[in-house]
PDB file of N, CA and C in Angstrom:
ATOM      1  N   UNK A   1     -42.180 -26.754  63.837  1.00  0.00           N
ATOM      2  CA  UNK A   1     -40.378 -26.602  63.420  1.00  0.00           C
ATOM      3  C   UNK A   1     -40.023 -25.150  62.517  1.00  0.00           C
ATOM      4  N   UNK A   2     -38.940 -24.247  62.413  1.00  0.00           N
ATOM      5  CA  UNK A   2     -38.987 -22.621  62.716  1.00  0.00           C
ATOM      6  C   UNK A   2     -38.299 -22.754  61.798  1.00  0.00           C
ATOM      7  N   UNK A   3     -39.205 -21.533  60.483  1.00  0.00           N
ATOM      8  CA  UNK A   3     -38.646 -21.147  59.402  1.00  0.00           C
ATOM      9  C   UNK A   3     -37.047 -20.960  59.204  1.00  0.00           C
ATOM     10  N   UNK A   4     -36.628 -21.106  57.965  1.00  0.00           N
ATOM     11  CA  UNK A   4     -35.122 -20.956  57.511  1.00  0.00           C
ATOM     12  C   UNK A   4     -35.077 -19.739  57.141  1.00  0.00           C
ATOM     13  N   UNK A   5     -33.749 -18.938  57.247  1.00  0.00           N
ATOM     14  CA  UNK A   5     -33.942 -17.874  57.031  1.00  0.00           C
ATOM     15  C   UNK A   5     -33.342 -18.080  55.412  1.00  0.00           C
ATOM     16  N   UNK A   6     -33.391 -16.178  55.535  1.00  0.00           N
ATOM     17  CA  UNK A   6     -33.146 -16.088  53.783  1.00  0.00           C
ATOM     18  C   UNK A   6     -32.016 -16.785  53.394  1.00  0.00           C
ATOM     19  N   UNK A   7     -30.676 -16.565  54.011  1.00  0.00           N
ATOM     20  CA  UNK A   7     -29.324 -16.415  54.079  1.00  0.00           C
ATOM     21  C   UNK A   7     -29.078 -18.025  53.629  1.00  0.00           C
ATOM     22  N   UNK A   8     -29.889 -19.279  54.222  1.00  0.00           N
ATOM     23  CA  UNK A   8     -29.222 -20.227  54.904  1.00  0.00           C
ATOM     24  C   UNK A   8     -30.692 -20.941  53.388  1.00  0.00           C
ATOM     25  N   UNK A   9     -31.425 -20.208  52.955  1.00  0.00           N
ATOM     26  CA  UNK A   9     -32.296 -21.355  51.842  1.00  0.00           C
ATOM     27  C   UNK A   9     -31.650 -20.803  50.511  1.00  0.00           C
ATOM     28  N   UNK A  10     -31.007 -19.273  50.554  1.00  0.00           N
ATOM     29  CA  UNK A  10     -30.107 -18.996  49.176  1.00  0.00           C
ATOM     30  C   UNK A  10     -29.276 -19.833  49.288  1.00  0.00           C
ATOM     31  N   UNK A  11     -28.223 -20.644  50.235  1.00  0.00           N
ATOM     32  CA  UNK A  11     -27.104 -21.486  50.742  1.00  0.00           C
ATOM     33  C   UNK A  11     -27.512 -22.952  50.034  1.00  0.00           C
ATOM     34  N   UNK A  12     -28.841 -23.069  50.668  1.00  0.00           N
ATOM     35  CA  UNK A  12     -29.400 -24.591  50.222  1.00  0.00           C
ATOM     36  C   UNK A  12     -29.589 -24.724  48.681  1.00  0.00           C
ATOM     37  N   UNK A  13     -29.954 -23.504  48.007  1.00  0.00           N
ATOM     38  CA  UNK A  13     -30.551 -23.129  46.322  1.00  0.00           C
ATOM     39  C   UNK A  13     -29.249 -23.401  45.286  1.00  0.00           C
ATOM     40  N   UNK A  14     -27.963 -22.579  46.237  1.00  0.00           N
ATOM     41  CA  UNK A  14     -26.847 -22.612  45.248  1.00  0.00           C
ATOM     42  C   UNK A  14     -26.562 -24.247  45.318  1.00  0.00           C
ATOM     43  N   UNK A  15     -26.563 -24.741  46.510  1.00  0.00           N
ATOM     44  CA  UNK A  15     -26.342 -26.507  46.298  1.00  0.00           C
ATOM     45  C   UNK A  15     -26.697 -27.044  45.555  1.00  0.00           C
ATOM     46  N   UNK A  16     -28.046 -27.077  45.466  1.00  0.00           N
ATOM     47  CA  UNK A  16     -28.987 -27.790  44.716  1.00  0.00           C
ATOM     48  C   UNK A  16     -28.596 -27.337  42.917  1.00  0.00           C
ATOM     49  N   UNK A  17     -28.047 -26.106  42.542  1.00  0.00           N
ATOM     50  CA  UNK A  17     -27.900 -25.889  41.848  1.00  0.00           C
ATOM     51  C   UNK A  17     -26.496 -26.603  40.988  1.00  0.00           C
ATOM     52  N   UNK A  18     -25.596 -25.800  41.764  1.00  0.00           N
ATOM     53  CA  UNK A  18     -24.149 -26.653  41.837  1.00  0.00           C
ATOM     54  C   UNK A  18     -24.518 -28.621  41.543  1.00  0.00           C
ATOM     55  N   UNK A  19     -24.920 -28.689  42.512  1.00  0.00           N
ATOM     56  CA  UNK A  19     -25.288 -30.201  42.306  1.00  0.00           C
ATOM     57  C   UNK A  19     -25.937 -30.330  41.087  1.00  0.00           C
ATOM     58  N   UNK A  20     -26.773 -29.793  40.107  1.00  0.00           N
ATOM     59  CA  UNK A  20     -27.366 -29.992  39.124  1.00  0.00           C
ATOM     60  C   UNK A  20     -26.817 -29.848  37.855  1.00  0.00           C
ATOM     61  N   UNK A  21     -25.277 -28.404  37.686  1.00  0.00           N
ATOM     62  CA  UNK A  21     -24.656 -28.772  36.894  1.00  0.00           C
ATOM     63  C   UNK A  21     -23.711 -29.438  36.897  1.00  0.00           C
ATOM     64  N   UNK A  22     -23.305 -30.196  37.745  1.00  0.00           N
ATOM     65  CA  UNK A  22     -22.389 -31.462  37.850  1.00  0.00           C
ATOM     66  C   UNK A  22     -23.191 -32.524  37.292  1.00  0.00           C
ATOM     67  N   UNK A  23     -24.252 -33.070  37.961  1.00  0.00           N
ATOM     68  CA  UNK A  23     -25.014 -34.414  37.190  1.00  0.00           C
ATOM     69  C   UNK A  23     -24.789 -33.951  35.728  1.00  0.00           C
ATOM     70  N   UNK A  24     -25.334 -32.776  35.381  1.00  0.00           N
ATOM     71  CA  UNK A  24     -25.896 -32.652  33.649  1.00  0.00           C
ATOM     72  C   UNK A  24     -24.640 -32.763  33.195  1.00  0.00           C
ATOM     73  N   UNK A  25     -22.866 -31.899  33.636  1.00  0.00           N
ATOM     74  CA  UNK A  25     -21.819 -32.359  32.924  1.00  0.00           C
ATOM     75  C   UNK A  25     -21.227 -33.657  33.322  1.00  0.00           C
ATOM     76  N   UNK A  26     -21.645 -34.369  34.231  1.00  0.00           N
ATOM     77  CA  UNK A  26     -21.249 -35.822  33.797  1.00  0.00           C
ATOM     78  C   UNK A  26     -22.422 -37.183  33.466  1.00  0.00           C
ATOM     79  N   UNK A  27     -22.992 -36.548  33.527  1.00  0.00           N
ATOM     80  CA  UNK A  27     -24.077 -37.884  32.533  1.00  0.00           C
ATOM     81  C   UNK A  27     -24.593 -37.484  31.364  1.00  0.00           C
ATOM     82  N   UNK A  28     -24.262 -36.485  30.344  1.00  0.00           N
ATOM     83  CA  UNK A  28     -24.920 -36.069  29.170  1.00  0.00           C
ATOM     84  C   UNK A  28     -23.837 -35.594  28.536  1.00  0.00           C
ATOM     85  N   UNK A  29     -23.951 -36.613  27.434  1.00  0.00           N
ATOM     86  CA  UNK A  29     -22.646 -36.861  26.277  1.00  0.00           C
ATOM     87  C   UNK A  29     -22.486 -34.922  25.395  1.00  0.00           C
ATOM     88  N   UNK A  30     -23.495 -34.764  25.200  1.00  0.00           N
ATOM     89  CA  UNK A  30     -23.479 -33.395  24.533  1.00  0.00           C
ATOM     90  C   UNK A  30     -23.748 -32.288  25.472  1.00  0.00           C
ATOM     91  N   UNK A  31     -23.188 -32.266  26.653  1.00  0.00           N
ATOM     92  CA  UNK A  31     -23.148 -30.775  27.575  1.00  0.00           C
ATOM     93  C   UNK A  31     -21.432 -31.168  27.368  1.00  0.00           C
ATOM     94  N   UNK A  32     -20.898 -32.266  28.097  1.00  0.00           N
ATOM     95  CA  UNK A  32     -19.650 -32.521  28.024  1.00  0.00           C
ATOM     96  C   UNK A  32     -19.014 -32.152  26.545  1.00  0.00           C
ATOM     97  N   UNK A  33     -19.235 -32.354  25.299  1.00  0.00           N
ATOM     98  CA  UNK A  33     -18.694 -31.954  24.137  1.00  0.00           C
ATOM     99  C   UNK A  33     -18.878 -30.275  24.069  1.00  0.00           C
ATOM    100  N   UNK A  34     -19.766 -29.677  24.633  1.00  0.00           N
ATOM    101  CA  UNK A  34     -19.770 -28.115  24.788  1.00  0.00           C
ATOM    102  C   UNK A  34     -18.876 -27.646  25.602  1.00  0.00           C
ATOM    103  N   UNK A  35     -19.042 -28.387  26.922  1.00  0.00           N
ATOM    104  CA  UNK A  35     -18.052 -27.783  28.009  1.00  0.00           C
ATOM    105  C   UNK A  35     -16.936 -27.705  27.563  1.00  0.00           C
ATOM    106  N   UNK A  36     -15.957 -29.053  26.575  1.00  0.00           N
ATOM    107  CA  UNK A  36     -14.490 -28.734  25.658  1.00  0.00           C
ATOM    108  C   UNK A  36     -14.749 -27.952  25.062  1.00  0.00           C
ATOM    109  N   UNK A  37     -15.681 -27.406  24.191  1.00  0.00           N
ATOM    110  CA  UNK A  37     -15.720 -26.164  23.147  1.00  0.00           C
ATOM    111  C   UNK A  37     -15.616 -25.043  24.198  1.00  0.00           C
ATOM    112  N   UNK A  38     -16.562 -25.234  25.141  1.00  0.00           N
ATOM    113  CA  UNK A  38     -16.015 -23.837  25.438  1.00  0.00           C
ATOM    114  C   UNK A  38     -14.607 -23.441  26.587  1.00  0.00           C
ATOM    115  N   UNK A  39     -13.811 -24.318  26.796  1.00  0.00           N
ATOM    116  CA  UNK A  39     -12.813 -24.515  27.482  1.00  0.00           C
ATOM    117  C   UNK A  39     -11.910 -24.433  26.014  1.00  0.00           C
ATOM    118  N   UNK A  40     -11.781 -24.764  24.985  1.00  0.00           N
ATOM    119  CA  UNK A  40     -11.368 -24.386  23.827  1.00  0.00           C
ATOM    120  C   UNK A  40     -11.091 -23.090  23.230  1.00  0.00           C
ATOM    121  N   UNK A  41     -12.756 -22.480  23.837  1.00  0.00           N
ATOM    122  CA  UNK A  41     -12.765 -21.222  22.913  1.00  0.00           C
ATOM    123  C   UNK A  41     -12.056 -20.025  23.975  1.00  0.00           C
ATOM    124  N   UNK A  42     -12.018 -20.646  25.707  1.00  0.00           N
ATOM    125  CA  UNK A  42     -11.673 -19.512  26.223  1.00  0.00           C
ATOM    126  C   UNK A  42      -9.973 -19.598  26.328  1.00  0.00           C
ATOM    127  N   UNK A  43      -9.729 -20.747  25.946  1.00  0.00           N
ATOM    128  CA  UNK A  43      -8.272 -20.699  25.363  1.00  0.00           C
ATOM    129  C   UNK A  43      -7.869 -20.084  24.306  1.00  0.00           C
ATOM    130  N   UNK A  44      -8.914 -19.893  23.462  1.00  0.00           N
ATOM    131  CA  UNK A  44      -8.235 -19.326  22.348  1.00  0.00           C
ATOM    132  C   UNK A  44      -8.214 -17.734  22.901  1.00  0.00           C
ATOM    133  N   UNK A  45      -9.913 -17.106  23.620  1.00  0.00           N
ATOM    134  CA  UNK A  45      -9.525 -15.835  24.019  1.00  0.00           C
ATOM    135  C   UNK A  45      -8.139 -15.565  24.909  1.00  0.00           C
ATOM    136  N   UNK A  46      -7.749 -16.522  25.387  1.00  0.00           N
ATOM    137  CA  UNK A  46      -6.869 -15.824  25.925  1.00  0.00           C
ATOM    138  C   UNK A  46      -5.281 -15.844  24.730  1.00  0.00           C
ATOM    139  N   UNK A  47      -5.231 -16.732  24.447  1.00  0.00           N
ATOM    140  CA  UNK A  47      -4.498 -17.141  22.724  1.00  0.00           C
ATOM    141  C   UNK A  47      -4.269 -15.559  22.398  1.00  0.00           C
ATOM    142  N   UNK A  48      -5.371 -15.055  22.096  1.00  0.00           N
ATOM    143  CA  UNK A  48      -5.738 -14.206  20.921  1.00  0.00           C
ATOM    144  C   UNK A  48      -5.823 -12.895  21.692  1.00  0.00           C
ATOM    145  N   UNK A  49      -5.777 -12.571  23.141  1.00  0.00           N
ATOM    146  CA  UNK A  49      -6.027 -11.447  23.624  1.00  0.00           C
ATOM    147  C   UNK A  49      -7.100 -10.554  23.138  1.00  0.00           C
ATOM    148  N   UNK A  50      -8.265 -11.535  23.366  1.00  0.00           N
ATOM    149  CA  UNK A  50      -9.675 -11.016  22.725  1.00  0.00           C
ATOM    150  C   UNK A  50      -9.720  -9.352  23.785  1.00  0.00           C
ATOM    151  N   UNK A  51     -10.810  -8.604  23.202  1.00  0.00           N
ATOM    152  CA  UNK A  51     -11.149  -7.500  24.191  1.00  0.00           C
ATOM    153  C   UNK A  51     -12.134  -7.666  25.303  1.00  0.00           C
ATOM    154  N   UNK A  52     -12.503  -7.006  26.090  1.00  0.00           N
ATOM    155  CA  UNK A  52     -13.214  -7.083  27.194  1.00  0.00           C
ATOM    156  C   UNK A  52     -14.371  -7.233  26.268  1.00  0.00           C
ATOM    157  N   UNK A  53     -15.038  -6.828  25.403  1.00  0.00           N
ATOM    158  CA  UNK A  53     -16.451  -6.971  24.606  1.00  0.00           C
ATOM    159  C   UNK A  53     -16.346  -8.227  23.907  1.00  0.00           C
ATOM    160  N   UNK A  54     -15.368  -8.499  23.833  1.00  0.00           N
ATOM    161  CA  UNK A  54     -15.171 -10.118  22.986  1.00  0.00           C
ATOM    162  C   UNK A  54     -15.784 -10.982  23.775  1.00  0.00           C
ATOM    163  N   UNK A  55     -14.651 -10.418  24.920  1.00  0.00           N
ATOM    164  CA  UNK A  55     -14.748 -11.577  26.089  1.00  0.00           C
ATOM    165  C   UNK A  55     -16.541 -11.523  26.885  1.00  0.00           C
ATOM    166  N   UNK A  56     -17.025 -10.750  26.636  1.00  0.00           N
ATOM    167  CA  UNK A  56     -18.638 -10.527  27.086  1.00  0.00           C
ATOM    168  C   UNK A  56     -19.381 -11.094  26.426  1.00  0.00           C
ATOM    169  N   UNK A  57     -19.117 -11.043  24.952  1.00  0.00           N
ATOM    170  CA  UNK A  57     -20.011 -11.326  24.038  1.00  0.00           C
ATOM    171  C   UNK A  57     -19.737 -13.327  23.908  1.00  0.00           C
ATOM    172  N   UNK A  58     -18.328 -13.453  24.183  1.00  0.00           N
ATOM    173  CA  UNK A  58     -18.196 -14.947  24.076  1.00  0.00           C
ATOM    174  C   UNK A  58     -18.623 -16.049  25.575  1.00  0.00           C
ATOM    175  N   UNK A  59     -18.407 -15.070  26.684  1.00  0.00           N
ATOM    176  CA  UNK A  59     -19.583 -15.587  28.149  1.00  0.00           C
ATOM    177  C   UNK A  59     -20.466 -15.954  27.650  1.00  0.00           C
ATOM    178  N   UNK A  60     -21.302 -14.660  27.386  1.00  0.00           N
ATOM    179  CA  UNK A  60     -22.906 -15.085  27.238  1.00  0.00           C
ATOM    180  C   UNK A  60     -23.209 -15.989  26.554  1.00  0.00           C
ATOM    181  N   UNK A  61     -22.223 -16.615  25.247  1.00  0.00           N
ATOM    182  CA  UNK A  61     -22.652 -17.886  24.568  1.00  0.00           C
ATOM    183  C   UNK A  61     -22.809 -18.707  24.896  1.00  0.00           C
ATOM    184  N   UNK A  62     -21.283 -18.813  25.625  1.00  0.00           N
ATOM    185  CA  UNK A  62     -20.977 -19.976  26.117  1.00  0.00           C
ATOM    186  C   UNK A  62     -22.070 -20.369  27.414  1.00  0.00           C
ATOM    187  N   UNK A  63     -22.511 -19.329  28.286  1.00  0.00           N
ATOM    188  CA  UNK A  63     -23.713 -19.766  29.248  1.00  0.00           C
ATOM    189  C   UNK A  63     -25.079 -19.645  28.547  1.00  0.00           C
ATOM    190  N   UNK A  64     -25.301 -18.935  27.623  1.00  0.00           N
ATOM    191  CA  UNK A  64     -26.542 -19.607  26.869  1.00  0.00           C
ATOM    192  C   UNK A  64     -26.286 -20.757  26.195  1.00  0.00           C
ATOM    193  N   UNK A  65     -25.551 -21.620  25.593  1.00  0.00           N
ATOM    194  CA  UNK A  65     -25.373 -22.572  25.052  1.00  0.00           C
ATOM    195  C   UNK A  65     -25.732 -23.045  26.239  1.00  0.00           C
ATOM    196  N   UNK A  66     -24.672 -23.493  27.235  1.00  0.00           N
ATOM    197  CA  UNK A  66     -24.667 -24.450  28.227  1.00  0.00           C
ATOM    198  C   UNK A  66     -26.496 -24.217  28.885  1.00  0.00           C
ATOM    199  N   UNK A  67     -26.662 -23.519  29.318  1.00  0.00           N
ATOM    200  CA  UNK A  67     -27.857 -22.972  30.106  1.00  0.00           C
ATOM    201  C   UNK A  67     -29.534 -23.826  28.831  1.00  0.00           C
ATOM    202  N   UNK A  68     -29.140 -23.664  27.779  1.00  0.00           N
ATOM    203  CA  UNK A  68     -30.066 -24.065  27.338  1.00  0.00           C
ATOM    204  C   UNK A  68     -30.238 -25.286  26.632  1.00  0.00           C
ATOM    205  N   UNK A  69     -29.053 -26.206  26.811  1.00  0.00           N
ATOM    206  CA  UNK A  69     -28.752 -27.020  26.821  1.00  0.00           C
ATOM    207  C   UNK A  69     -29.039 -28.191  27.972  1.00  0.00           C
ATOM    208  N   UNK A  70     -29.178 -27.595  29.528  1.00  0.00           N
ATOM    209  CA  UNK A  70     -29.637 -27.978  30.186  1.00  0.00           C
ATOM    210  C   UNK A  70     -31.074 -27.754  30.386  1.00  0.00           C
ATOM    211  N   UNK A  71     -31.142 -26.556  29.667  1.00  0.00           N
ATOM    212  CA  UNK A  71     -32.942 -26.585  30.118  1.00  0.00           C
ATOM    213  C   UNK A  71     -33.760 -27.939  28.978  1.00  0.00           C
ATOM    214  N   UNK A  72     -33.264 -28.103  27.950  1.00  0.00           N
ATOM    215  CA  UNK A  72     -33.464 -29.075  27.087  1.00  0.00           C
ATOM    216  C   UNK A  72     -33.456 -30.112  27.705  1.00  0.00           C
ATOM    217  N   UNK A  73     -32.186 -31.031  28.408  1.00  0.00           N
ATOM    218  CA  UNK A  73     -31.925 -31.966  28.806  1.00  0.00           C
ATOM    219  C   UNK A  73     -32.898 -32.396  29.781  1.00  0.00           C
ATOM    220  N   UNK A  74     -33.141 -31.396  30.700  1.00  0.00           N
ATOM    221  CA  UNK A  74     -34.734 -31.618  31.864  1.00  0.00           C
ATOM    222  C   UNK A  74     -35.325 -31.487  31.031  1.00  0.00           C
ATOM    223  N   UNK A  75     -36.260 -31.043  29.775  1.00  0.00           N
ATOM    224  CA  UNK A  75     -37.351 -31.330  29.251  1.00  0.00           C
ATOM    225  C   UNK A  75     -37.730 -32.800  28.865  1.00  0.00           C
ATOM    226  N   UNK A  76     -36.311 -32.984  27.523  1.00  0.00           N
ATOM    227  CA  UNK A  76     -36.127 -34.548  27.541  1.00  0.00           C
ATOM    228  C   UNK A  76     -36.445 -35.437  28.916  1.00  0.00           C
ATOM    229  N   UNK A  77     -36.266 -35.425  30.147  1.00  0.00           N
ATOM    230  CA  UNK A  77     -35.827 -36.178  31.031  1.00  0.00           C
ATOM    231  C   UNK A  77     -37.891 -36.058  31.320  1.00  0.00           C
ATOM    232  N   UNK A  78     -37.963 -35.023  31.923  1.00  0.00           N
ATOM    233  CA  UNK A  78     -39.290 -34.806  32.339  1.00  0.00           C
ATOM    234  C   UNK A  78     -40.271 -35.525  31.225  1.00  0.00           C
ATOM    235  N   UNK A  79     -40.069 -35.234  30.043  1.00  0.00           N
ATOM    236  CA  UNK A  79     -41.168 -35.838  28.892  1.00  0.00           C
ATOM    237  C   UNK A  79     -41.070 -37.341  29.021  1.00  0.00           C
ATOM    238  N   UNK A  80     -39.636 -38.058  29.084  1.00  0.00           N
ATOM    239  CA  UNK A  80     -39.241 -39.605  29.249  1.00  0.00           C
ATOM    240  C   UNK A  80     -40.502 -39.566  30.432  1.00  0.00           C
ATOM    241  N   UNK A  81     -40.226 -39.366  31.629  1.00  0.00           N
ATOM    242  CA  UNK A  81     -40.881 -39.797  32.552  1.00  0.00           C
ATOM    243  C   UNK A  81     -42.678 -39.789  32.920  1.00  0.00           C
ATOM    244  N   UNK A  82     -42.931 -38.633  32.079  1.00  0.00           N
ATOM    245  CA  UNK A  82     -44.173 -38.505  31.890  1.00  0.00           C
ATOM    246  C   UNK A  82     -45.047 -39.698  30.693  1.00  0.00           C
ATOM    247  N   UNK A  83     -44.068 -39.680  29.725  1.00  0.00           N
ATOM    248  CA  UNK A  83     -44.273 -40.609  28.864  1.00  0.00           C
ATOM    249  C   UNK A  83     -43.609 -41.798  28.025  1.00  0.00           C
ATOM    250  N   UNK A  84     -42.745 -42.379  28.910  1.00  0.00           N
ATOM    251  CA  UNK A  84     -41.573 -43.620  28.716  1.00  0.00           C
ATOM    252  C   UNK A  84     -41.923 -44.487  26.947  1.00  0.00           C
ATOM    253  N   UNK A  85     -43.081 -44.271  26.904  1.00  0.00           N
ATOM    254  CA  UNK A  85     -43.327 -44.974  25.252  1.00  0.00           C
ATOM    255  C   UNK A  85     -43.391 -43.885  24.648  1.00  0.00           C
ATOM    256  N   UNK A  86     -43.082 -44.238  23.277  1.00  0.00           N
ATOM    257  CA  UNK A  86     -43.009 -42.890  21.806  1.00  0.00           C
ATOM    258  C   UNK A  86     -44.097 -42.742  21.961  1.00  0.00           C
ATOM    259  N   UNK A  87     -44.240 -40.995  21.887  1.00  0.00           N
ATOM    260  CA  UNK A  87     -45.928 -40.587  21.293  1.00  0.00           C
ATOM    261  C   UNK A  87     -45.355 -39.109  20.621  1.00  0.00           C
ATOM    262  N   UNK A  88     -46.247 -38.594  19.392  1.00  0.00           N
ATOM    263  CA  UNK A  88     -45.876 -37.918  18.830  1.00  0.00           C
ATOM    264  C   UNK A  88     -45.714 -36.672  19.701  1.00  0.00           C
ATOM    265  N   UNK A  89     -46.851 -36.174  20.486  1.00  0.00           N
ATOM    266  CA  UNK A  89     -46.763 -34.736  21.274  1.00  0.00           C
ATOM    267  C   UNK A  89     -45.509 -34.779  22.020  1.00  0.00           C
ATOM    268  N   UNK A  90     -44.900 -35.781  22.633  1.00  0.00           N
ATOM    269  CA  UNK A  90     -43.764 -35.326  23.405  1.00  0.00           C
ATOM    270  C   UNK A  90     -42.411 -35.503  22.409  1.00  0.00           C
ATOM    271  N   UNK A  91     -42.748 -36.387  21.212  1.00  0.00           N
ATOM    272  CA  UNK A  91     -41.819 -36.396  20.412  1.00  0.00           C
ATOM    273  C   UNK A  91     -41.765 -34.806  19.982  1.00  0.00           C
ATOM    274  N   UNK A  92     -42.784 -34.051  19.743  1.00  0.00           N
ATOM    275  CA  UNK A  92     -42.786 -33.106  19.512  1.00  0.00           C
ATOM    276  C   UNK A  92     -42.204 -31.813  20.124  1.00  0.00           C
ATOM    277  N   UNK A  93     -42.716 -31.868  20.838  1.00  0.00           N
ATOM    278  CA  UNK A  93     -42.002 -30.949  22.585  1.00  0.00           C
ATOM    279  C   UNK A  93     -40.547 -30.954  22.456  1.00  0.00           C
ATOM    280  N   UNK A  94     -40.403 -32.603  22.510  1.00  0.00           N
ATOM    281  CA  UNK A  94     -38.362 -32.525  22.604  1.00  0.00           C
ATOM    282  C   UNK A  94     -38.067 -31.618  21.350  1.00  0.00           C
ATOM    283  N   UNK A  95     -38.537 -32.350  19.925  1.00  0.00           N
ATOM    284  CA  UNK A  95     -37.784 -31.639  18.623  1.00  0.00           C
ATOM    285  C   UNK A  95     -37.317 -30.366  18.965  1.00  0.00           C
ATOM    286  N   UNK A  96     -38.599 -29.396  19.648  1.00  0.00           N
ATOM    287  CA  UNK A  96     -38.659 -27.992  19.472  1.00  0.00           C
ATOM    288  C   UNK A  96     -37.878 -27.554  21.032  1.00  0.00           C
ATOM    289  N   UNK A  97     -37.310 -28.779  21.523  1.00  0.00           N
ATOM    290  CA  UNK A  97     -36.556 -27.905  22.627  1.00  0.00           C
ATOM    291  C   UNK A  97     -35.204 -28.258  21.983  1.00  0.00           C
ATOM    292  N   UNK A  98     -35.049 -29.366  21.480  1.00  0.00           N
ATOM    293  CA  UNK A  98     -33.826 -29.636  20.619  1.00  0.00           C
ATOM    294  C   UNK A  98     -33.990 -28.280  19.487  1.00  0.00           C
ATOM    295  N   UNK A  99     -34.456 -28.511  18.992  1.00  0.00           N
ATOM    296  CA  UNK A  99     -34.121 -27.043  17.941  1.00  0.00           C
ATOM    297  C   UNK A  99     -33.975 -25.403  18.644  1.00  0.00           C
ATOM    298  N   UNK A 100     -34.317 -25.402  19.892  1.00  0.00           N
ATOM    299  CA  UNK A 100     -33.832 -24.111  20.541  1.00  0.00           C
ATOM    300  C   UNK A 100     -32.552 -24.149  21.253  1.00  0.00           C
ATOM    301  N   UNK A 101     -31.799 -25.602  21.171  1.00  0.00           N
ATOM    302  CA  UNK A 101     -30.289 -25.618  21.194  1.00  0.00           C
ATOM    303  C   UNK A 101     -29.428 -25.304  20.155  1.00  0.00           C
ATOM    304  N   UNK A 102     -30.418 -25.720  18.761  1.00  0.00           N
ATOM    305  CA  UNK A 102     -29.266 -25.444  17.901  1.00  0.00           C
ATOM    306  C   UNK A 102     -29.470 -24.044  17.296  1.00  0.00           C
ATOM    307  N   UNK A 103     -30.639 -23.160  17.205  1.00  0.00           N
ATOM    308  CA  UNK A 103     -30.555 -22.193  17.135  1.00  0.00           C
ATOM    309  C   UNK A 103     -29.577 -21.374  18.261  1.00  0.00           C
ATOM    310  N   UNK A 104     -29.470 -21.561  19.466  1.00  0.00           N
ATOM    311  CA  UNK A 104     -28.739 -20.779  20.153  1.00  0.00           C
ATOM    312  C   UNK A 104     -27.066 -21.448  19.541  1.00  0.00           C
ATOM    313  N   UNK A 105     -27.192 -22.405  19.175  1.00  0.00           N
ATOM    314  CA  UNK A 105     -25.823 -23.215  18.937  1.00  0.00           C
ATOM    315  C   UNK A 105     -24.987 -22.217  17.097  1.00  0.00           C
ATOM    316  N   UNK A 106     -26.240 -22.102  16.893  1.00  0.00           N
ATOM    317  CA  UNK A 106     -25.780 -21.606  15.355  1.00  0.00           C
ATOM    318  C   UNK A 106     -25.702 -20.149  16.070  1.00  0.00           C
ATOM    319  N   UNK A 107     -26.081 -19.092  16.779  1.00  0.00           N
ATOM    320  CA  UNK A 107     -25.869 -18.091  16.991  1.00  0.00           C
ATOM    321  C   UNK A 107     -24.317 -17.734  17.511  1.00  0.00           C
ATOM    322  N   UNK A 108     -24.184 -18.647  18.214  1.00  0.00           N
ATOM    323  CA  UNK A 108     -22.862 -18.625  19.427  1.00  0.00           C
ATOM    324  C   UNK A 108     -21.500 -18.776  18.526  1.00  0.00           C
ATOM    325  N   UNK A 109     -21.652 -19.721  17.195  1.00  0.00           N
ATOM    326  CA  UNK A 109     -20.505 -19.999  16.149  1.00  0.00           C
ATOM    327  C   UNK A 109     -20.506 -18.985  15.306  1.00  0.00           C
ATOM    328  N   UNK A 110     -21.463 -18.101  15.109  1.00  0.00           N
ATOM    329  CA  UNK A 110     -21.632 -16.893  14.334  1.00  0.00           C
ATOM    330  C   UNK A 110     -20.925 -15.998  15.169  1.00  0.00           C
ATOM    331  N   UNK A 111     -21.043 -15.511  16.182  1.00  0.00           N
ATOM    332  CA  UNK A 111     -20.516 -14.846  17.448  1.00  0.00           C
ATOM    333  C   UNK A 111     -19.047 -15.442  17.617  1.00  0.00           C
ATOM    334  N   UNK A 112     -18.829 -16.409  17.438  1.00  0.00           N
ATOM    335  CA  UNK A 112     -17.535 -17.303  17.310  1.00  0.00           C
ATOM    336  C   UNK A 112     -16.365 -16.817  15.990  1.00  0.00           C
ATOM    337  N   UNK A 113     -17.270 -16.657  15.320  1.00  0.00           N
ATOM    338  CA  UNK A 113     -16.650 -16.529  13.699  1.00  0.00           C
ATOM    339  C   UNK A 113     -16.365 -14.779  13.552  1.00  0.00           C
ATOM    340  N   UNK A 114     -16.925 -14.236  14.154  1.00  0.00           N
ATOM    341  CA  UNK A 114     -16.765 -12.644  14.366  1.00  0.00           C
ATOM    342  C   UNK A 114     -15.990 -12.416  14.682  1.00  0.00           C
ATOM    343  N   UNK A 115     -15.748 -12.612  16.283  1.00  0.00           N
ATOM    344  CA  UNK A 115     -14.466 -12.752  17.273  1.00  0.00           C
ATOM    345  C   UNK A 115     -13.598 -13.299  16.372  1.00  0.00           C
ATOM    346  N   UNK A 116     -12.833 -14.590  15.944  1.00  0.00           N
ATOM    347  CA  UNK A 116     -12.025 -14.729  15.859  1.00  0.00           C
ATOM    348  C   UNK A 116     -11.203 -15.364  14.164  1.00  0.00           C
ATOM    349  N   UNK A 117     -12.178 -15.200  13.503  1.00  0.00           N
ATOM    350  CA  UNK A 117     -11.872 -15.172  11.871  1.00  0.00           C
ATOM    351  C   UNK A 117     -10.974 -14.216  11.523  1.00  0.00           C
ATOM    352  N   UNK A 118     -11.606 -12.896  12.283  1.00  0.00           N
ATOM    353  CA  UNK A 118     -10.479 -11.588  11.423  1.00  0.00           C
ATOM    354  C   UNK A 118      -9.152 -11.718  12.213  1.00  0.00           C
ATOM    355  N   UNK A 119      -8.592 -12.493  13.343  1.00  0.00           N
ATOM    356  CA  UNK A 119      -7.563 -13.159  14.268  1.00  0.00           C
ATOM    357  C   UNK A 119      -6.667 -13.885  13.367  1.00  0.00           C
ATOM    358  N   UNK A 120      -7.481 -14.845  12.808  1.00  0.00           N
ATOM    359  CA  UNK A 120      -7.231 -15.811  12.434  1.00  0.00           C
ATOM    360  C   UNK A 120      -6.429 -15.898  10.929  1.00  0.00           C
ATOM    361  N   UNK A 121      -7.203 -14.821  10.470  1.00  0.00           N
ATOM    362  CA  UNK A 121      -6.714 -14.819   8.532  1.00  0.00           C
ATOM    363  C   UNK A 121      -5.447 -13.774   8.924  1.00  0.00           C
TER     364      UNK A 121
END
């Protein structure tokens, strides 16, 4: 069997990544809420005509929250697959993963407040 070219391999990888993103959005309630918030904040960015720097910070914050939420979901799914029954060690791992989402969400909220609070007041 001939080895696939680099380009074909990259195209397949992007396809797998898109499939994963759609599965995440379609199946996970928390990511649906965060995508909704991302859409609202993007609309707010257009409404308040935020600067290029503010756009960069906002896009980075949104991407970070969604990305970490995706990783949290992956950790939870693999933990449940490895140990379907309650396990203190698995619970510890899942709590740490959820904590990472919380930390990024708090930082993103602060970024949003720094950007929008002066515009609203």
